[in-house]
Amino acid sequence: GVFGDEFSVLRSPQSVVFRDGSWPIPGERIPDVAALTMGFSVEEDLPWPGLAVGDLFHRPRATVLVTVKGVDKLALPVKGFSYPIENAVPFSLDSVANAIHTLFSEETPVVLQLAPSEERVYMVGKANSVFEDLSVTLRQLRSRLFQDNSILTSLPLNSLSRNNEVDLLFLSELQVLHDIASLLSRHKHLAKDHSPDLYSLELSGLEEVGKRYGEDSQQFKDASQILVDSLQKFADEMFNLYGGNAVVEVVAVKEFNSPLIRKTRSILQSSESVKENPYNLAYPYNYNYSVIFNIILWMMIGLALAVIVISYNLWNMDPGYDSIIYRMTNQKIRMD
């Protein structure tokens, strides 16, 4: 159904206020929720009552968003908040990452966007040095699982097998979660600076397990429980590394809907104009608007005051005493 998927908040600081309720959140606005929790502005207002105004002067130091594909609901602990997702379309946190990179380019933000099964990785700032040993390719993930300190030595596999490629893909994503927290713990000073950090992870191993064994199989049930336990442990570790000042969110999506296709017009089409803004609304302002407005306003006020002062002094000037031109001319006349 439309509301089958789920957006959950596992951990959040007191400065970010989530309200308990069953309000559906639009799937395309999930990046805006992440931006607002970090204190950034968004182009359009978000009329979603699930997020209240928190402490504006103590924003979280990090936002962690994990997207789990292949399941519309996870048996997460009840101490968090969960909301249904309306129209689950593919989304990305690129806008949030760009805002962090623009506003905190001179500091040391950590931005990590990773999809292990698709070998997609994007790092900004100190993430390149912190996670330089992180396994990102499928070959690296497979070899990482069979090292001595991998999760295979401590994780109960139950019905899952370490000899099946699908099971290994699922387990390798859990290994990535463990390694991110482990590598970050070696650079704790980056979790205490003033620049916010962003982690966006997309996990599709559970979806592959469901396709391989079926969603009613014991393997899928065991994998779901292992994933829930790993996510909760990962959330607690990241929350503690940031001193209790991090937001950890999970998006469970059974299957993404087709993204909205942007309609374009060709110059060879008929000349009938289609009004894109039928209500004649003003365009949305970005966060630079107030800065530009203040610069222009005070510059105009300063120029106006300067013109008034100069005009007043010129009007009340005595040519014989205040102007060197008239003074020289009068002396020359007297001498003649």
Protein backbone atom coordinates (compact mmCIF):
# COMPACT_ATOMS: atom_id res chain seq x y z
CA GLY A 1 0.00 0.00 0.00
CA VAL A 2 0.93 3.64 -0.05
CA PHE A 3 1.69 3.72 3.67
CA GLY A 4 3.40 0.33 3.91
CA ASP A 5 6.95 1.67 4.37
CA GLU A 6 8.34 3.17 7.56
CA PHE A 7 10.60 5.98 8.76
CA SER A 8 12.03 5.34 12.24
CA VAL A 9 14.14 7.37 14.65
CA LEU A 10 16.32 5.10 16.78
CA ARG A 11 18.27 7.72 18.73
CA SER A 12 18.04 11.51 18.91
CA PRO A 13 19.33 14.20 21.31
CA GLN A 14 17.11 16.46 23.38
CA SER A 15 17.72 19.35 21.00
CA VAL A 16 15.76 17.50 18.27
CA VAL A 17 12.11 17.01 19.17
CA PHE A 18 10.18 14.24 17.41
CA ARG A 19 6.51 13.87 18.30
CA ASP A 20 4.85 10.54 18.84
CA GLY A 21 2.13 10.00 16.24
CA SER A 22 1.19 8.21 13.03
CA TRP A 23 1.62 11.16 10.71
CA PRO A 24 2.67 10.01 7.21
CA ILE A 25 5.82 11.62 5.92
CA PRO A 26 6.20 12.22 2.16
CA GLY A 27 9.02 10.09 0.79
CA GLU A 28 10.52 12.92 -1.23
CA ARG A 29 10.74 15.13 1.90
CA ILE A 30 12.93 12.78 3.94
CA PRO A 31 16.08 14.77 2.98
CA ASP A 32 14.33 17.91 4.23
CA VAL A 33 13.72 16.24 7.61
CA ALA A 34 17.44 15.46 7.82
CA ALA A 35 18.30 19.05 6.88
CA LEU A 36 15.92 20.58 9.44
CA THR A 37 17.18 18.38 12.26
CA MET A 38 20.71 19.66 11.51
CA GLY A 39 19.54 23.28 11.57
CA PHE A 40 19.66 23.93 7.82
CA SER A 41 16.92 25.71 5.93
CA VAL A 42 14.92 24.08 3.15
CA GLU A 43 13.44 25.60 0.02
CA GLU A 44 9.85 24.63 0.86
CA ASP A 45 8.19 24.60 4.24
CA LEU A 46 7.61 21.12 5.65
CA PRO A 47 4.03 20.89 6.98
CA TRP A 48 4.76 17.68 8.88
CA PRO A 49 3.80 17.66 12.59
CA GLY A 50 6.19 14.84 13.46
CA LEU A 51 9.14 17.24 13.85
CA ALA A 52 8.84 20.11 16.32
CA VAL A 53 11.09 23.13 16.79
CA GLY A 54 13.92 22.18 19.14
CA ASP A 55 16.88 24.04 20.59
CA LEU A 56 18.16 26.18 17.73
CA PHE A 57 21.50 26.86 19.45
CA HIS A 58 22.45 23.22 20.07
CA ARG A 59 22.14 21.35 16.81
CA PRO A 60 23.20 17.68 16.58
CA ARG A 61 26.79 16.98 15.61
CA ALA A 62 25.82 14.16 13.26
CA THR A 63 22.93 12.65 11.31
CA VAL A 64 22.99 8.97 10.43
CA LEU A 65 20.39 7.71 7.95
CA VAL A 66 20.26 4.01 7.06
CA THR A 67 17.96 2.89 4.23
CA VAL A 68 16.95 -0.78 4.30
CA LYS A 69 15.45 -2.12 1.08
CA GLY A 70 13.29 -5.20 0.79
CA VAL A 71 11.13 -4.85 3.91
CA ASP A 72 8.39 -2.37 4.77
CA LYS A 73 8.72 -2.68 8.55
CA LEU A 74 11.40 -3.72 11.01
CA ALA A 75 10.83 -4.94 14.56
CA LEU A 76 12.73 -2.02 16.05
CA PRO A 77 12.64 -1.18 19.78
CA VAL A 78 9.57 0.72 20.91
CA LYS A 79 11.62 3.47 22.61
CA GLY A 80 12.09 5.25 19.29
CA PHE A 81 9.61 6.93 16.95
CA SER A 82 8.16 5.46 13.76
CA TYR A 83 6.13 7.11 11.02
CA PRO A 84 4.58 5.70 7.83
CA ILE A 85 6.03 6.84 4.52
CA GLU A 86 3.76 8.20 1.84
CA ASN A 87 4.92 7.68 -1.75
CA ALA A 88 8.33 6.08 -1.16
CA VAL A 89 10.37 7.42 -4.07
CA PRO A 90 14.17 7.20 -4.35
CA PHE A 91 15.91 10.02 -2.49
CA SER A 92 19.41 11.14 -1.66
CA LEU A 93 21.02 13.43 0.89
CA ASP A 94 23.12 15.23 -1.70
CA SER A 95 21.51 18.57 -0.84
CA VAL A 96 22.39 18.13 2.84
CA ALA A 97 25.94 17.08 1.94
CA ASN A 98 26.33 20.14 -0.31
CA ALA A 99 25.07 22.43 2.46
CA ILE A 100 27.61 21.00 4.91
CA HIS A 101 30.41 21.25 2.37
CA THR A 102 29.49 24.87 1.55
CA LEU A 103 28.95 26.18 5.07
CA PHE A 104 31.79 24.29 6.76
CA SER A 105 34.35 24.01 3.96
CA GLU A 106 37.13 25.49 6.13
CA GLU A 107 36.48 23.07 9.01
CA THR A 108 36.57 19.27 9.21
CA PRO A 109 33.14 17.81 8.42
CA VAL A 110 32.78 14.07 7.82
CA VAL A 111 30.38 13.20 5.00
CA LEU A 112 30.00 9.55 4.02
CA GLN A 113 27.43 8.21 1.55
CA LEU A 114 27.71 4.49 0.87
CA ALA A 115 25.77 1.72 -0.88
CA PRO A 116 27.92 -1.41 -0.43
CA SER A 117 26.02 -3.78 -2.73
CA GLU A 118 26.18 -1.26 -5.59
CA GLU A 119 29.76 -0.19 -4.81
CA ARG A 120 28.69 3.45 -4.59
CA VAL A 121 30.71 5.59 -2.21
CA TYR A 122 31.03 9.35 -1.70
CA MET A 123 33.31 10.95 0.87
CA VAL A 124 33.90 14.61 1.74
CA GLY A 125 36.27 16.26 4.19
CA LYS A 126 37.97 14.15 6.83
CA ALA A 127 35.97 11.08 5.78
CA ASN A 128 38.70 10.31 3.24
CA SER A 129 41.29 9.87 6.00
CA VAL A 130 38.99 8.32 8.61
CA PHE A 131 37.51 5.67 6.32
CA GLU A 132 40.44 5.05 4.01
CA ASP A 133 40.55 1.41 5.22
CA LEU A 134 36.80 0.87 4.81
CA SER A 135 35.82 -1.94 2.44
CA VAL A 136 33.72 -0.51 -0.39
CA THR A 137 33.98 -2.97 -3.28
CA LEU A 138 32.38 -6.43 -3.32
CA ARG A 139 35.79 -8.10 -3.43
CA GLN A 140 36.99 -6.09 -0.43
CA LEU A 141 33.78 -6.88 1.45
CA ARG A 142 34.15 -10.61 0.88
CA SER A 143 37.77 -10.70 1.99
CA ARG A 144 36.94 -8.53 5.02
CA LEU A 145 34.39 -11.08 6.24
CA PHE A 146 36.97 -13.84 6.43
CA GLN A 147 39.48 -11.89 8.49
CA ASP A 148 40.09 -12.81 12.12
CA ASN A 149 38.30 -9.78 13.60
CA SER A 150 35.17 -9.92 11.42
CA ILE A 151 31.60 -10.25 12.67
CA LEU A 152 31.49 -13.90 11.58
CA THR A 153 33.43 -14.83 14.71
CA SER A 154 30.78 -13.39 17.05
CA LEU A 155 27.53 -13.19 15.09
CA PRO A 156 25.03 -16.05 15.38
CA LEU A 157 24.27 -17.00 11.78
CA ASN A 158 21.40 -19.40 12.61
CA SER A 159 20.02 -20.54 9.24
CA LEU A 160 22.33 -18.32 7.19
CA SER A 161 25.35 -19.84 5.51
CA ARG A 162 28.84 -18.45 5.01
CA ASN A 163 29.10 -20.41 1.76
CA ASN A 164 26.24 -18.66 -0.05
CA GLU A 165 26.91 -15.48 -2.00
CA VAL A 166 23.57 -13.89 -1.07
CA ASP A 167 24.14 -14.52 2.63
CA LEU A 168 27.67 -13.16 2.40
CA LEU A 169 26.40 -9.97 0.73
CA PHE A 170 23.95 -9.44 3.58
CA LEU A 171 26.60 -10.12 6.22
CA SER A 172 29.13 -7.87 4.51
CA GLU A 173 26.76 -4.91 4.87
CA LEU A 174 26.57 -5.59 8.61
CA GLN A 175 30.37 -5.69 8.61
CA VAL A 176 30.38 -2.21 7.07
CA LEU A 177 28.21 -0.91 9.92
CA HIS A 178 30.61 -2.39 12.45
CA ASP A 179 33.69 -1.01 10.66
CA ILE A 180 32.29 2.52 10.39
CA ALA A 181 31.80 2.76 14.14
CA SER A 182 35.15 1.08 14.78
CA LEU A 183 37.12 3.39 12.46
CA LEU A 184 35.38 6.49 13.81
CA SER A 185 36.25 5.49 17.37
CA ARG A 186 39.93 5.94 16.42
CA HIS A 187 39.24 9.57 15.48
CA LYS A 188 37.01 10.67 18.33
CA HIS A 189 38.24 14.24 18.09
CA LEU A 190 36.32 14.63 14.81
CA ALA A 191 33.12 13.73 16.64
CA LYS A 192 33.68 16.61 19.06
CA ASP A 193 34.35 19.48 16.64
CA HIS A 194 31.82 22.13 15.67
CA SER A 195 31.17 20.98 12.09
CA PRO A 196 28.23 18.58 11.60
CA ASP A 197 28.78 15.14 10.10
CA LEU A 198 26.55 13.14 7.77
CA TYR A 199 26.29 9.39 7.18
CA SER A 200 23.97 7.97 4.54
CA LEU A 201 23.96 4.19 4.08
CA GLU A 202 21.83 2.06 1.77
CA LEU A 203 21.51 -1.65 2.57
CA SER A 204 19.94 -4.05 0.07
CA GLY A 205 21.28 -7.36 1.37
CA LEU A 206 18.02 -8.23 3.11
CA GLU A 207 16.16 -7.70 -0.15
CA GLU A 208 18.44 -10.20 -1.88
CA VAL A 209 17.88 -12.72 0.91
CA GLY A 210 14.12 -12.37 0.43
CA LYS A 211 14.44 -12.92 -3.30
CA ARG A 212 16.68 -15.95 -2.83
CA TYR A 213 14.80 -17.82 -0.10
CA GLY A 214 11.38 -16.13 0.01
CA GLU A 215 10.00 -13.77 2.61
CA ASP A 216 8.38 -16.63 4.57
CA SER A 217 11.64 -18.56 4.87
CA GLN A 218 13.59 -19.04 8.07
CA GLN A 219 16.61 -17.40 6.46
CA PHE A 220 14.68 -14.19 5.86
CA LYS A 221 13.34 -14.15 9.43
CA ASP A 222 16.79 -14.77 10.89
CA ALA A 223 18.34 -12.12 8.64
CA SER A 224 15.68 -9.58 9.68
CA GLN A 225 16.37 -10.20 13.36
CA ILE A 226 20.13 -10.04 12.90
CA LEU A 227 19.73 -6.78 10.98
CA VAL A 228 17.57 -5.23 13.71
CA ASP A 229 20.10 -6.17 16.40
CA SER A 230 22.98 -4.82 14.30
CA LEU A 231 21.17 -1.56 13.56
CA GLN A 232 20.39 -1.00 17.22
CA LYS A 233 24.00 -1.70 18.20
CA PHE A 234 25.25 0.59 15.43
CA ALA A 235 22.85 3.36 16.54
CA ASP A 236 24.00 3.10 20.16
CA GLU A 237 27.68 3.16 19.16
CA MET A 238 27.32 6.22 16.91
CA PHE A 239 25.15 7.97 19.49
CA ASN A 240 27.77 7.41 22.20
CA LEU A 241 30.70 8.41 19.95
CA TYR A 242 29.06 11.81 19.44
CA GLY A 243 28.39 12.23 23.14
CA GLY A 244 24.64 11.70 22.84
CA ASN A 245 24.33 14.45 20.23
CA ALA A 246 23.52 12.50 17.06
CA VAL A 247 20.34 11.57 15.21
CA VAL A 248 20.12 7.97 13.95
CA GLU A 249 17.27 7.22 11.54
CA VAL A 250 16.21 4.13 9.60
CA VAL A 251 14.08 4.04 6.46
CA ALA A 252 12.53 0.65 5.69
CA VAL A 253 11.23 0.45 2.12
CA LYS A 254 9.74 -2.63 0.52
CA GLU A 255 10.15 -1.24 -2.97
CA PHE A 256 10.71 2.25 -4.25
CA ASN A 257 8.04 3.73 -6.47
CA SER A 258 8.97 5.20 -9.83
CA PRO A 259 10.50 8.61 -9.28
CA LEU A 260 8.63 11.63 -10.46
CA ILE A 261 9.60 12.43 -14.05
CA ARG A 262 10.37 16.05 -14.71
CA LYS A 263 8.30 17.28 -17.63
CA THR A 264 10.16 19.26 -20.27
CA ARG A 265 9.03 21.23 -23.29
CA SER A 266 10.65 21.41 -26.68
CA ILE A 267 11.10 24.68 -28.52
CA LEU A 268 9.50 23.00 -31.54
CA GLN A 269 6.21 22.54 -29.71
CA SER A 270 3.23 24.80 -30.19
CA SER A 271 3.51 28.35 -28.95
CA GLU A 272 0.73 27.92 -26.38
CA SER A 273 2.28 28.89 -23.10
CA VAL A 274 1.72 26.66 -20.11
CA LYS A 275 1.83 28.70 -16.96
CA GLU A 276 4.09 26.86 -14.54
CA ASN A 277 2.96 28.96 -11.59
CA PRO A 278 -0.85 29.30 -11.85
CA TYR A 279 -1.19 30.89 -8.40
CA ASN A 280 1.45 33.57 -9.04
CA LEU A 281 3.43 32.56 -5.96
CA ALA A 282 6.83 34.01 -5.20
CA TYR A 283 9.84 31.82 -5.78
CA PRO A 284 11.30 30.12 -2.67
CA TYR A 285 14.22 31.95 -1.05
CA ASN A 286 17.43 30.17 -0.13
CA TYR A 287 19.62 30.79 2.91
CA ASN A 288 21.66 33.49 1.11
CA TYR A 289 18.63 35.78 0.73
CA SER A 290 18.93 37.41 4.16
CA VAL A 291 22.65 38.05 3.67
CA ILE A 292 22.21 39.70 0.27
CA PHE A 293 19.21 41.68 1.52
CA ASN A 294 21.18 43.13 4.47
CA ILE A 295 24.17 44.02 2.28
CA ILE A 296 22.01 45.92 -0.22
CA LEU A 297 19.84 47.56 2.48
CA TRP A 298 22.67 49.00 4.58
CA MET A 299 24.68 50.01 1.53
CA MET A 300 21.70 52.03 0.25
CA ILE A 301 21.16 53.62 3.67
CA GLY A 302 24.86 54.53 3.89
CA LEU A 303 24.91 56.08 0.40
CA ALA A 304 21.71 58.04 1.15
CA LEU A 305 23.20 59.44 4.37
CA ALA A 306 26.43 60.33 2.57
CA VAL A 307 24.53 62.25 -0.14
CA ILE A 308 22.51 64.14 2.51
CA VAL A 309 25.61 65.13 4.53
CA ILE A 310 27.55 66.23 1.43
CA SER A 311 24.60 68.22 0.08
CA TYR A 312 24.07 69.97 3.44
CA ASN A 313 27.72 70.99 3.68
CA LEU A 314 27.79 72.27 0.11
CA TRP A 315 24.60 74.31 0.66
CA ASN A 316 26.01 75.99 3.78
CA MET A 317 29.54 76.52 2.47
CA ASP A 318 31.06 80.02 2.42
CA PRO A 319 32.90 80.35 -0.91
CA GLY A 320 35.26 82.96 0.41
CA TYR A 321 36.54 80.96 3.36
CA ASP A 322 35.70 77.30 2.69
CA SER A 323 36.81 77.03 -0.93
CA ILE A 324 40.45 77.44 -1.96
CA ILE A 325 39.36 78.30 -5.50
CA TYR A 326 37.45 81.45 -4.52
CA ARG A 327 40.09 82.39 -1.94
CA MET A 328 42.86 82.36 -4.57
CA THR A 329 40.71 84.30 -7.01
CA ASN A 330 39.91 87.07 -4.49
CA GLN A 331 43.60 87.53 -3.61
CA LYS A 332 44.49 87.81 -7.29
CA ILE A 333 41.80 90.46 -7.85
CA ARG A 334 43.05 92.53 -4.92
CA MET A 335 46.63 92.40 -6.17
CA ASP A 336 45.57 93.60 -9.58
